[in-house]
Amino acid sequence: MSDMRFILIGVGLTFVGFLVLGVMGGQYQAATFEENEFGTCYEYFEDRPPQQINCSFKVMDQSLFFALVIGLLAAGAIGLVKGVRGDWDSKVKPEDMVGPGNSQSEDSEGKQD
């Protein structure tokens, strides 16, 4: 058995991490290309011409974005692992245990198949 709450949380966080990366990741990868190829970076606007900015700020924004995505994916993975491991077996009382070697129920006493 497993802890379904953590599995669902883990799947949800992993899905959100990939969704954020897929939807908003394209605008953050341009900083590396601009810095490596051209040496100058530009910030683009819809209503005015591009403005030259310092590349380190744009690379820092890119790093923070990917740290957020990695954080979401890591939290999802931790949730999945915690959910799969579960703790249901450690909370079973000794008198409630059944199975091989633990035949303590009234129905099994003295009966043979």
PDB file of N, CA and C in Angstrom:
ATOM      1  N   MET A   1       0.844  -1.170   0.000  1.00  0.00           N
ATOM      2  CA  MET A   1       0.000   0.000   0.000  1.00  0.00           C
ATOM      3  C   MET A   1       0.892   1.237   0.000  1.00  0.00           C
ATOM      4  N   SER A   2       0.343   2.332  -0.402  1.00  0.00           N
ATOM      5  CA  SER A   2       1.120   3.565  -0.447  1.00  0.00           C
ATOM      6  C   SER A   2       0.260   4.719   0.044  1.00  0.00           C
ATOM      7  N   ASP A   3       0.879   5.823   0.253  1.00  0.00           N
ATOM      8  CA  ASP A   3       0.188   7.016   0.724  1.00  0.00           C
ATOM      9  C   ASP A   3      -0.221   7.845  -0.493  1.00  0.00           C
ATOM     10  N   MET A   4      -1.461   7.734  -0.882  1.00  0.00           N
ATOM     11  CA  MET A   4      -1.943   8.344  -2.127  1.00  0.00           C
ATOM     12  C   MET A   4      -1.905   9.876  -2.093  1.00  0.00           C
ATOM     13  N   ARG A   5      -2.006  10.474  -0.928  1.00  0.00           N
ATOM     14  CA  ARG A   5      -1.962  11.939  -0.862  1.00  0.00           C
ATOM     15  C   ARG A   5      -0.640  12.471  -1.393  1.00  0.00           C
ATOM     16  N   PHE A   6       0.450  11.863  -0.945  1.00  0.00           N
ATOM     17  CA  PHE A   6       1.761  12.330  -1.394  1.00  0.00           C
ATOM     18  C   PHE A   6       2.008  11.988  -2.855  1.00  0.00           C
ATOM     19  N   ILE A   7       1.482  10.883  -3.313  1.00  0.00           N
ATOM     20  CA  ILE A   7       1.637  10.541  -4.728  1.00  0.00           C
ATOM     21  C   ILE A   7       0.921  11.568  -5.593  1.00  0.00           C
ATOM     22  N   LEU A   8      -0.298  11.944  -5.214  1.00  0.00           N
ATOM     23  CA  LEU A   8      -1.038  12.944  -5.982  1.00  0.00           C
ATOM     24  C   LEU A   8      -0.357  14.312  -5.928  1.00  0.00           C
ATOM     25  N   ILE A   9       0.156  14.690  -4.771  1.00  0.00           N
ATOM     26  CA  ILE A   9       0.881  15.958  -4.657  1.00  0.00           C
ATOM     27  C   ILE A   9       2.141  15.916  -5.512  1.00  0.00           C
ATOM     28  N   GLY A  10       2.863  14.807  -5.476  1.00  0.00           N
ATOM     29  CA  GLY A  10       4.082  14.665  -6.276  1.00  0.00           C
ATOM     30  C   GLY A  10       3.807  14.737  -7.762  1.00  0.00           C
ATOM     31  N   VAL A  11       2.769  14.059  -8.217  1.00  0.00           N
ATOM     32  CA  VAL A  11       2.414  14.106  -9.628  1.00  0.00           C
ATOM     33  C   VAL A  11       1.995  15.517 -10.019  1.00  0.00           C
ATOM     34  N   GLY A  12       1.237  16.169  -9.163  1.00  0.00           N
ATOM     35  CA  GLY A  12       0.806  17.543  -9.441  1.00  0.00           C
ATOM     36  C   GLY A  12       1.967  18.516  -9.532  1.00  0.00           C
ATOM     37  N   LEU A  13       2.896  18.445  -8.591  1.00  0.00           N
ATOM     38  CA  LEU A  13       4.046  19.349  -8.620  1.00  0.00           C
ATOM     39  C   LEU A  13       4.950  19.083  -9.824  1.00  0.00           C
ATOM     40  N   THR A  14       5.123  17.816 -10.166  1.00  0.00           N
ATOM     41  CA  THR A  14       5.930  17.485 -11.340  1.00  0.00           C
ATOM     42  C   THR A  14       5.263  18.006 -12.607  1.00  0.00           C
ATOM     43  N   PHE A  15       3.952  17.848 -12.707  1.00  0.00           N
ATOM     44  CA  PHE A  15       3.210  18.354 -13.864  1.00  0.00           C
ATOM     45  C   PHE A  15       3.326  19.865 -13.960  1.00  0.00           C
ATOM     46  N   VAL A  16       3.168  20.568 -12.837  1.00  0.00           N
ATOM     47  CA  VAL A  16       3.281  22.027 -12.843  1.00  0.00           C
ATOM     48  C   VAL A  16       4.688  22.460 -13.234  1.00  0.00           C
ATOM     49  N   GLY A  17       5.706  21.755 -12.772  1.00  0.00           N
ATOM     50  CA  GLY A  17       7.081  22.088 -13.132  1.00  0.00           C
ATOM     51  C   GLY A  17       7.319  21.983 -14.626  1.00  0.00           C
ATOM     52  N   PHE A  18       6.861  20.884 -15.237  1.00  0.00           N
ATOM     53  CA  PHE A  18       7.025  20.737 -16.679  1.00  0.00           C
ATOM     54  C   PHE A  18       6.157  21.734 -17.440  1.00  0.00           C
ATOM     55  N   LEU A  19       4.978  22.044 -16.918  1.00  0.00           N
ATOM     56  CA  LEU A  19       4.097  23.008 -17.568  1.00  0.00           C
ATOM     57  C   LEU A  19       4.708  24.407 -17.557  1.00  0.00           C
ATOM     58  N   VAL A  20       5.239  24.821 -16.421  1.00  0.00           N
ATOM     59  CA  VAL A  20       5.891  26.135 -16.324  1.00  0.00           C
ATOM     60  C   VAL A  20       7.100  26.198 -17.244  1.00  0.00           C
ATOM     61  N   LEU A  21       7.890  25.140 -17.274  1.00  0.00           N
ATOM     62  CA  LEU A  21       9.051  25.108 -18.150  1.00  0.00           C
ATOM     63  C   LEU A  21       8.631  25.175 -19.610  1.00  0.00           C
ATOM     64  N   GLY A  22       7.597  24.457 -19.988  1.00  0.00           N
ATOM     65  CA  GLY A  22       7.161  24.444 -21.374  1.00  0.00           C
ATOM     66  C   GLY A  22       6.526  25.741 -21.820  1.00  0.00           C
ATOM     67  N   VAL A  23       5.728  26.354 -20.970  1.00  0.00           N
ATOM     68  CA  VAL A  23       5.006  27.564 -21.352  1.00  0.00           C
ATOM     69  C   VAL A  23       5.901  28.798 -21.296  1.00  0.00           C
ATOM     70  N   MET A  24       6.670  28.945 -20.236  1.00  0.00           N
ATOM     71  CA  MET A  24       7.440  30.174 -20.060  1.00  0.00           C
ATOM     72  C   MET A  24       8.936  29.994 -20.263  1.00  0.00           C
ATOM     73  N   GLY A  25       9.397  28.811 -20.566  1.00  0.00           N
ATOM     74  CA  GLY A  25      10.831  28.569 -20.679  1.00  0.00           C
ATOM     75  C   GLY A  25      11.474  29.183 -21.901  1.00  0.00           C
ATOM     76  N   GLY A  26      10.711  29.371 -22.969  1.00  0.00           N
ATOM     77  CA  GLY A  26      11.279  29.889 -24.213  1.00  0.00           C
ATOM     78  C   GLY A  26      11.834  31.287 -24.096  1.00  0.00           C
ATOM     79  N   GLN A  27      11.183  32.117 -23.328  1.00  0.00           N
ATOM     80  CA  GLN A  27      11.655  33.496 -23.206  1.00  0.00           C
ATOM     81  C   GLN A  27      12.892  33.627 -22.324  1.00  0.00           C
ATOM     82  N   TYR A  28      13.191  32.599 -21.544  1.00  0.00           N
ATOM     83  CA  TYR A  28      14.357  32.667 -20.669  1.00  0.00           C
ATOM     84  C   TYR A  28      15.610  32.048 -21.279  1.00  0.00           C
ATOM     85  N   GLN A  29      15.499  31.328 -22.369  1.00  0.00           N
ATOM     86  CA  GLN A  29      16.691  30.732 -22.962  1.00  0.00           C
ATOM     87  C   GLN A  29      17.425  31.695 -23.880  1.00  0.00           C
ATOM     88  N   ALA A  30      16.818  32.808 -24.233  1.00  0.00           N
ATOM     89  CA  ALA A  30      17.443  33.754 -25.159  1.00  0.00           C
ATOM     90  C   ALA A  30      18.645  34.465 -24.543  1.00  0.00           C
ATOM     91  N   ALA A  31      18.703  34.609 -23.249  1.00  0.00           N
ATOM     92  CA  ALA A  31      19.792  35.347 -22.605  1.00  0.00           C
ATOM     93  C   ALA A  31      21.139  34.686 -22.862  1.00  0.00           C
ATOM     94  N   THR A  32      21.194  33.387 -22.790  1.00  0.00           N
ATOM     95  CA  THR A  32      22.450  32.679 -23.014  1.00  0.00           C
ATOM     96  C   THR A  32      22.900  32.830 -24.458  1.00  0.00           C
ATOM     97  N   PHE A  33      21.959  32.718 -25.393  1.00  0.00           N
ATOM     98  CA  PHE A  33      22.307  32.865 -26.806  1.00  0.00           C
ATOM     99  C   PHE A  33      22.804  34.273 -27.119  1.00  0.00           C
ATOM    100  N   GLU A  34      22.111  35.278 -26.597  1.00  0.00           N
ATOM    101  CA  GLU A  34      22.509  36.661 -26.850  1.00  0.00           C
ATOM    102  C   GLU A  34      23.885  36.960 -26.275  1.00  0.00           C
ATOM    103  N   GLU A  35      24.140  36.480 -25.077  1.00  0.00           N
ATOM    104  CA  GLU A  35      25.418  36.764 -24.434  1.00  0.00           C
ATOM    105  C   GLU A  35      26.572  36.052 -25.144  1.00  0.00           C
ATOM    106  N   ASN A  36      26.372  34.805 -25.518  1.00  0.00           N
ATOM    107  CA  ASN A  36      27.449  34.041 -26.160  1.00  0.00           C
ATOM    108  C   ASN A  36      27.715  34.480 -27.591  1.00  0.00           C
ATOM    109  N   GLU A  37      26.677  34.757 -28.341  1.00  0.00           N
ATOM    110  CA  GLU A  37      26.837  35.063 -29.761  1.00  0.00           C
ATOM    111  C   GLU A  37      27.137  36.534 -30.030  1.00  0.00           C
ATOM    112  N   PHE A  38      26.447  37.420 -29.329  1.00  0.00           N
ATOM    113  CA  PHE A  38      26.538  38.846 -29.653  1.00  0.00           C
ATOM    114  C   PHE A  38      27.246  39.677 -28.595  1.00  0.00           C
ATOM    115  N   GLY A  39      27.251  39.231 -27.361  1.00  0.00           N
ATOM    116  CA  GLY A  39      27.899  39.987 -26.295  1.00  0.00           C
ATOM    117  C   GLY A  39      27.029  41.088 -25.711  1.00  0.00           C
ATOM    118  N   THR A  40      25.912  41.382 -26.335  1.00  0.00           N
ATOM    119  CA  THR A  40      24.974  42.380 -25.813  1.00  0.00           C
ATOM    120  C   THR A  40      23.598  41.734 -25.692  1.00  0.00           C
ATOM    121  N   CYS A  41      22.843  42.201 -24.723  1.00  0.00           N
ATOM    122  CA  CYS A  41      21.496  41.676 -24.505  1.00  0.00           C
ATOM    123  C   CYS A  41      20.491  42.807 -24.643  1.00  0.00           C
ATOM    124  N   TYR A  42      19.315  42.460 -25.088  1.00  0.00           N
ATOM    125  CA  TYR A  42      18.253  43.433 -25.279  1.00  0.00           C
ATOM    126  C   TYR A  42      17.002  42.968 -24.564  1.00  0.00           C
ATOM    127  N   GLU A  43      16.254  43.946 -24.053  1.00  0.00           N
ATOM    128  CA  GLU A  43      14.937  43.669 -23.495  1.00  0.00           C
ATOM    129  C   GLU A  43      13.920  44.138 -24.521  1.00  0.00           C
ATOM    130  N   TYR A  44      12.988  43.255 -24.846  1.00  0.00           N
ATOM    131  CA  TYR A  44      12.041  43.534 -25.908  1.00  0.00           C
ATOM    132  C   TYR A  44      10.691  43.925 -25.326  1.00  0.00           C
ATOM    133  N   PHE A  45      10.085  44.942 -25.946  1.00  0.00           N
ATOM    134  CA  PHE A  45       8.785  45.444 -25.521  1.00  0.00           C
ATOM    135  C   PHE A  45       7.825  45.394 -26.699  1.00  0.00           C
ATOM    136  N   GLU A  46       6.538  45.393 -26.411  1.00  0.00           N
ATOM    137  CA  GLU A  46       5.545  45.372 -27.479  1.00  0.00           C
ATOM    138  C   GLU A  46       5.291  46.759 -28.055  1.00  0.00           C
ATOM    139  N   ASP A  47       5.434  47.799 -27.235  1.00  0.00           N
ATOM    140  CA  ASP A  47       5.043  49.135 -27.678  1.00  0.00           C
ATOM    141  C   ASP A  47       6.219  50.075 -27.957  1.00  0.00           C
ATOM    142  N   ARG A  48       7.440  49.634 -27.793  1.00  0.00           N
ATOM    143  CA  ARG A  48       8.601  50.480 -28.065  1.00  0.00           C
ATOM    144  C   ARG A  48       9.757  49.616 -28.555  1.00  0.00           C
ATOM    145  N   PRO A  49      10.776  50.240 -29.092  1.00  0.00           N
ATOM    146  CA  PRO A  49      11.900  49.457 -29.629  1.00  0.00           C
ATOM    147  C   PRO A  49      12.696  48.771 -28.511  1.00  0.00           C
ATOM    148  N   PRO A  50      13.485  47.743 -28.871  1.00  0.00           N
ATOM    149  CA  PRO A  50      14.291  47.031 -27.864  1.00  0.00           C
ATOM    150  C   PRO A  50      15.290  47.965 -27.186  1.00  0.00           C
ATOM    151  N   GLN A  51      15.558  47.683 -25.933  1.00  0.00           N
ATOM    152  CA  GLN A  51      16.480  48.491 -25.149  1.00  0.00           C
ATOM    153  C   GLN A  51      17.634  47.609 -24.696  1.00  0.00           C
ATOM    154  N   GLN A  52      18.863  48.100 -24.870  1.00  0.00           N
ATOM    155  CA  GLN A  52      20.034  47.336 -24.480  1.00  0.00           C
ATOM    156  C   GLN A  52      20.146  47.330 -22.954  1.00  0.00           C
ATOM    157  N   ILE A  53      20.398  46.130 -22.393  1.00  0.00           N
ATOM    158  CA  ILE A  53      20.535  45.985 -20.945  1.00  0.00           C
ATOM    159  C   ILE A  53      21.792  45.177 -20.658  1.00  0.00           C
ATOM    160  N   ASN A  54      22.146  45.116 -19.393  1.00  0.00           N
ATOM    161  CA  ASN A  54      23.287  44.331 -18.948  1.00  0.00           C
ATOM    162  C   ASN A  54      22.926  42.842 -19.004  1.00  0.00           C
ATOM    163  N   CYS A  55      23.776  42.042 -19.624  1.00  0.00           N
ATOM    164  CA  CYS A  55      23.495  40.609 -19.791  1.00  0.00           C
ATOM    165  C   CYS A  55      23.449  39.863 -18.460  1.00  0.00           C
ATOM    166  N   SER A  56      24.173  40.337 -17.467  1.00  0.00           N
ATOM    167  CA  SER A  56      24.193  39.621 -16.189  1.00  0.00           C
ATOM    168  C   SER A  56      22.818  39.616 -15.528  1.00  0.00           C
ATOM    169  N   PHE A  57      22.041  40.691 -15.698  1.00  0.00           N
ATOM    170  CA  PHE A  57      20.693  40.720 -15.122  1.00  0.00           C
ATOM    171  C   PHE A  57      19.781  39.706 -15.812  1.00  0.00           C
ATOM    172  N   LYS A  58      19.914  39.625 -17.116  1.00  0.00           N
ATOM    173  CA  LYS A  58      19.079  38.694 -17.861  1.00  0.00           C
ATOM    174  C   LYS A  58      19.464  37.242 -17.566  1.00  0.00           C
ATOM    175  N   VAL A  59      20.742  36.969 -17.410  1.00  0.00           N
ATOM    176  CA  VAL A  59      21.196  35.616 -17.064  1.00  0.00           C
ATOM    177  C   VAL A  59      20.774  35.268 -15.638  1.00  0.00           C
ATOM    178  N   MET A  60      20.788  36.253 -14.725  1.00  0.00           N
ATOM    179  CA  MET A  60      20.342  36.015 -13.359  1.00  0.00           C
ATOM    180  C   MET A  60      18.846  35.684 -13.332  1.00  0.00           C
ATOM    181  N   ASP A  61      18.043  36.401 -14.128  1.00  0.00           N
ATOM    182  CA  ASP A  61      16.616  36.074 -14.216  1.00  0.00           C
ATOM    183  C   ASP A  61      16.412  34.666 -14.752  1.00  0.00           C
ATOM    184  N   GLN A  62      17.211  34.299 -15.741  1.00  0.00           N
ATOM    185  CA  GLN A  62      17.134  32.957 -16.315  1.00  0.00           C
ATOM    186  C   GLN A  62      17.495  31.912 -15.262  1.00  0.00           C
ATOM    187  N   SER A  63      18.520  32.162 -14.487  1.00  0.00           N
ATOM    188  CA  SER A  63      18.939  31.209 -13.446  1.00  0.00           C
ATOM    189  C   SER A  63      17.876  31.065 -12.365  1.00  0.00           C
ATOM    190  N   LEU A  64      17.252  32.157 -11.968  1.00  0.00           N
ATOM    191  CA  LEU A  64      16.191  32.099 -10.965  1.00  0.00           C
ATOM    192  C   LEU A  64      14.979  31.320 -11.486  1.00  0.00           C
ATOM    193  N   PHE A  65      14.648  31.513 -12.755  1.00  0.00           N
ATOM    194  CA  PHE A  65      13.530  30.786 -13.350  1.00  0.00           C
ATOM    195  C   PHE A  65      13.810  29.284 -13.339  1.00  0.00           C
ATOM    196  N   PHE A  66      14.991  28.896 -13.775  1.00  0.00           N
ATOM    197  CA  PHE A  66      15.308  27.473 -13.802  1.00  0.00           C
ATOM    198  C   PHE A  66      15.455  26.899 -12.401  1.00  0.00           C
ATOM    199  N   ALA A  67      15.873  27.698 -11.424  1.00  0.00           N
ATOM    200  CA  ALA A  67      15.908  27.230 -10.038  1.00  0.00           C
ATOM    201  C   ALA A  67      14.479  26.967  -9.537  1.00  0.00           C
ATOM    202  N   LEU A  68      13.536  27.809  -9.929  1.00  0.00           N
ATOM    203  CA  LEU A  68      12.139  27.596  -9.571  1.00  0.00           C
ATOM    204  C   LEU A  68      11.620  26.299 -10.185  1.00  0.00           C
ATOM    205  N   VAL A  69      11.928  26.077 -11.459  1.00  0.00           N
ATOM    206  CA  VAL A  69      11.475  24.859 -12.134  1.00  0.00           C
ATOM    207  C   VAL A  69      12.114  23.629 -11.499  1.00  0.00           C
ATOM    208  N   ILE A  70      13.405  23.685 -11.227  1.00  0.00           N
ATOM    209  CA  ILE A  70      14.088  22.554 -10.589  1.00  0.00           C
ATOM    210  C   ILE A  70      13.508  22.314  -9.190  1.00  0.00           C
ATOM    211  N   GLY A  71      13.169  23.378  -8.471  1.00  0.00           N
ATOM    212  CA  GLY A  71      12.550  23.238  -7.161  1.00  0.00           C
ATOM    213  C   GLY A  71      11.205  22.539  -7.233  1.00  0.00           C
ATOM    214  N   LEU A  72      10.378  22.909  -8.226  1.00  0.00           N
ATOM    215  CA  LEU A  72       9.088  22.245  -8.401  1.00  0.00           C
ATOM    216  C   LEU A  72       9.257  20.768  -8.746  1.00  0.00           C
ATOM    217  N   LEU A  73      10.187  20.482  -9.651  1.00  0.00           N
ATOM    218  CA  LEU A  73      10.417  19.087 -10.039  1.00  0.00           C
ATOM    219  C   LEU A  73      10.982  18.276  -8.876  1.00  0.00           C
ATOM    220  N   ALA A  74      11.879  18.859  -8.094  1.00  0.00           N
ATOM    221  CA  ALA A  74      12.450  18.150  -6.940  1.00  0.00           C
ATOM    222  C   ALA A  74      11.382  17.904  -5.875  1.00  0.00           C
ATOM    223  N   ALA A  75      10.534  18.903  -5.634  1.00  0.00           N
ATOM    224  CA  ALA A  75       9.459  18.718  -4.655  1.00  0.00           C
ATOM    225  C   ALA A  75       8.498  17.629  -5.114  1.00  0.00           C
ATOM    226  N   GLY A  76       8.231  17.584  -6.420  1.00  0.00           N
ATOM    227  CA  GLY A  76       7.390  16.522  -6.952  1.00  0.00           C
ATOM    228  C   GLY A  76       8.017  15.158  -6.792  1.00  0.00           C
ATOM    229  N   ALA A  77       9.306  15.063  -7.047  1.00  0.00           N
ATOM    230  CA  ALA A  77      10.003  13.779  -6.894  1.00  0.00           C
ATOM    231  C   ALA A  77      10.025  13.344  -5.435  1.00  0.00           C
ATOM    232  N   ILE A  78      10.241  14.273  -4.531  1.00  0.00           N
ATOM    233  CA  ILE A  78      10.236  13.945  -3.097  1.00  0.00           C
ATOM    234  C   ILE A  78       8.851  13.473  -2.670  1.00  0.00           C
ATOM    235  N   GLY A  79       7.812  14.156  -3.164  1.00  0.00           N
ATOM    236  CA  GLY A  79       6.449  13.728  -2.851  1.00  0.00           C
ATOM    237  C   GLY A  79       6.147  12.343  -3.376  1.00  0.00           C
ATOM    238  N   LEU A  80       6.608  12.047  -4.586  1.00  0.00           N
ATOM    239  CA  LEU A  80       6.397  10.711  -5.150  1.00  0.00           C
ATOM    240  C   LEU A  80       7.116   9.635  -4.342  1.00  0.00           C
ATOM    241  N   VAL A  81       8.351   9.900  -3.985  1.00  0.00           N
ATOM    242  CA  VAL A  81       9.116   8.907  -3.212  1.00  0.00           C
ATOM    243  C   VAL A  81       8.487   8.713  -1.838  1.00  0.00           C
ATOM    244  N   LYS A  82       8.102   9.809  -1.206  1.00  0.00           N
ATOM    245  CA  LYS A  82       7.479   9.701   0.116  1.00  0.00           C
ATOM    246  C   LYS A  82       6.146   8.968   0.022  1.00  0.00           C
ATOM    247  N   GLY A  83       5.400   9.203  -1.039  1.00  0.00           N
ATOM    248  CA  GLY A  83       4.126   8.520  -1.210  1.00  0.00           C
ATOM    249  C   GLY A  83       4.281   7.049  -1.499  1.00  0.00           C
ATOM    250  N   VAL A  84       5.257   6.692  -2.306  1.00  0.00           N
ATOM    251  CA  VAL A  84       5.461   5.279  -2.635  1.00  0.00           C
ATOM    252  C   VAL A  84       5.959   4.510  -1.426  1.00  0.00           C
ATOM    253  N   ARG A  85       6.860   5.112  -0.673  1.00  0.00           N
ATOM    254  CA  ARG A  85       7.365   4.424   0.522  1.00  0.00           C
ATOM    255  C   ARG A  85       6.264   4.262   1.546  1.00  0.00           C
ATOM    256  N   GLY A  86       5.484   5.300   1.790  1.00  0.00           N
ATOM    257  CA  GLY A  86       4.366   5.221   2.724  1.00  0.00           C
ATOM    258  C   GLY A  86       4.786   4.825   4.118  1.00  0.00           C
ATOM    259  N   ASP A  87       3.848   4.928   5.035  1.00  0.00           N
ATOM    260  CA  ASP A  87       4.144   4.507   6.400  1.00  0.00           C
ATOM    261  C   ASP A  87       3.005   3.659   6.960  1.00  0.00           C
ATOM    262  N   TRP A  88       2.236   3.078   6.071  1.00  0.00           N
ATOM    263  CA  TRP A  88       1.099   2.296   6.532  1.00  0.00           C
ATOM    264  C   TRP A  88       1.517   1.052   7.299  1.00  0.00           C
ATOM    265  N   ASP A  89       2.618   0.439   6.919  1.00  0.00           N
ATOM    266  CA  ASP A  89       3.018  -0.806   7.576  1.00  0.00           C
ATOM    267  C   ASP A  89       3.610  -0.586   8.955  1.00  0.00           C
ATOM    268  N   SER A  90       4.085   0.587   9.269  1.00  0.00           N
ATOM    269  CA  SER A  90       4.652   0.838  10.588  1.00  0.00           C
ATOM    270  C   SER A  90       3.579   1.202  11.611  1.00  0.00           C
ATOM    271  N   LYS A  91       2.360   1.481  11.146  1.00  0.00           N
ATOM    272  CA  LYS A  91       1.298   1.872  12.071  1.00  0.00           C
ATOM    273  C   LYS A  91       0.330   0.735  12.394  1.00  0.00           C
ATOM    274  N   VAL A  92       0.616  -0.475  11.952  1.00  0.00           N
ATOM    275  CA  VAL A  92      -0.257  -1.612  12.231  1.00  0.00           C
ATOM    276  C   VAL A  92       0.028  -2.119  13.643  1.00  0.00           C
ATOM    277  N   LYS A  93      -1.038  -2.277  14.413  1.00  0.00           N
ATOM    278  CA  LYS A  93      -0.891  -2.791  15.769  1.00  0.00           C
ATOM    279  C   LYS A  93      -0.595  -4.284  15.715  1.00  0.00           C
ATOM    280  N   PRO A  94       0.175  -4.810  16.660  1.00  0.00           N
ATOM    281  CA  PRO A  94       0.513  -6.242  16.640  1.00  0.00           C
ATOM    282  C   PRO A  94      -0.722  -7.144  16.663  1.00  0.00           C
ATOM    283  N   GLU A  95      -1.771  -6.735  17.343  1.00  0.00           N
ATOM    284  CA  GLU A  95      -2.964  -7.585  17.412  1.00  0.00           C
ATOM    285  C   GLU A  95      -3.776  -7.559  16.109  1.00  0.00           C
ATOM    286  N   ASP A  96      -3.508  -6.580  15.244  1.00  0.00           N
ATOM    287  CA  ASP A  96      -4.214  -6.498  13.967  1.00  0.00           C
ATOM    288  C   ASP A  96      -3.466  -7.160  12.822  1.00  0.00           C
ATOM    289  N   MET A  97      -2.256  -7.625  13.065  1.00  0.00           N
ATOM    290  CA  MET A  97      -1.461  -8.236  11.997  1.00  0.00           C
ATOM    291  C   MET A  97      -2.034  -9.594  11.617  1.00  0.00           C
ATOM    292  N   VAL A  98      -2.083  -9.839  10.327  1.00  0.00           N
ATOM    293  CA  VAL A  98      -2.523 -11.125   9.809  1.00  0.00           C
ATOM    294  C   VAL A  98      -1.501 -11.598   8.784  1.00  0.00           C
ATOM    295  N   GLY A  99      -1.560 -12.853   8.470  1.00  0.00           N
ATOM    296  CA  GLY A  99      -0.634 -13.390   7.490  1.00  0.00           C
ATOM    297  C   GLY A  99       0.159 -14.535   8.066  1.00  0.00           C
ATOM    298  N   PRO A 100       1.166 -14.993   7.339  1.00  0.00           N
ATOM    299  CA  PRO A 100       1.970 -16.131   7.807  1.00  0.00           C
ATOM    300  C   PRO A 100       2.633 -15.828   9.142  1.00  0.00           C
ATOM    301  N   GLY A 101       2.422 -16.712  10.099  1.00  0.00           N
ATOM    302  CA  GLY A 101       3.047 -16.567  11.410  1.00  0.00           C
ATOM    303  C   GLY A 101       2.269 -15.690  12.362  1.00  0.00           C
ATOM    304  N   ASN A 102       1.191 -15.074  11.901  1.00  0.00           N
ATOM    305  CA  ASN A 102       0.398 -14.196  12.760  1.00  0.00           C
ATOM    306  C   ASN A 102      -1.069 -14.601  12.713  1.00  0.00           C
ATOM    307  N   SER A 103      -1.366 -15.861  12.907  1.00  0.00           N
ATOM    308  CA  SER A 103      -2.755 -16.341  12.854  1.00  0.00           C
ATOM    309  C   SER A 103      -3.362 -16.245  14.247  1.00  0.00           C
ATOM    310  N   GLN A 104      -3.785 -15.056  14.626  1.00  0.00           N
ATOM    311  CA  GLN A 104      -4.334 -14.838  15.951  1.00  0.00           C
ATOM    312  C   GLN A 104      -5.844 -14.634  15.926  1.00  0.00           C
ATOM    313  N   SER A 105      -6.479 -14.751  14.784  1.00  0.00           N
ATOM    314  CA  SER A 105      -7.919 -14.529  14.724  1.00  0.00           C
ATOM    315  C   SER A 105      -8.672 -15.727  15.286  1.00  0.00           C
ATOM    316  N   GLU A 106      -9.918 -15.504  15.736  1.00  0.00           N
ATOM    317  CA  GLU A 106     -10.727 -16.555  16.333  1.00  0.00           C
ATOM    318  C   GLU A 106     -11.154 -17.571  15.279  1.00  0.00           C
ATOM    319  N   ASP A 107     -11.316 -17.158  14.036  1.00  0.00           N
ATOM    320  CA  ASP A 107     -11.793 -18.042  12.981  1.00  0.00           C
ATOM    321  C   ASP A 107     -10.769 -19.105  12.625  1.00  0.00           C
ATOM    322  N   SER A 108      -9.500 -18.812  12.784  1.00  0.00           N
ATOM    323  CA  SER A 108      -8.466 -19.748  12.336  1.00  0.00           C
ATOM    324  C   SER A 108      -8.032 -20.719  13.439  1.00  0.00           C
ATOM    325  N   GLU A 109      -8.506 -20.547  14.646  1.00  0.00           N
ATOM    326  CA  GLU A 109      -8.075 -21.418  15.734  1.00  0.00           C
ATOM    327  C   GLU A 109      -8.714 -22.796  15.609  1.00  0.00           C
ATOM    328  N   GLY A 110      -7.904 -23.810  15.483  1.00  0.00           N
ATOM    329  CA  GLY A 110      -8.364 -25.171  15.452  1.00  0.00           C
ATOM    330  C   GLY A 110      -8.963 -25.616  14.130  1.00  0.00           C
ATOM    331  N   LYS A 111      -9.057 -24.750  13.155  1.00  0.00           N
ATOM    332  CA  LYS A 111      -9.641 -25.140  11.863  1.00  0.00           C
ATOM    333  C   LYS A 111      -8.535 -25.489  10.896  1.00  0.00           C
ATOM    334  N   GLN A 112      -8.787 -26.510  10.120  1.00  0.00           N
ATOM    335  CA  GLN A 112      -7.852 -26.881   9.066  1.00  0.00           C
ATOM    336  C   GLN A 112      -8.644 -27.074   7.789  1.00  0.00           C
ATOM    337  N   ASP A 113      -8.055 -26.735   6.651  1.00  0.00           N
ATOM    338  CA  ASP A 113      -8.733 -26.870   5.367  1.00  0.00           C
ATOM    339  C   ASP A 113      -8.679 -28.262   4.846  1.00  0.00           C
TER     340      ASP A 113
END
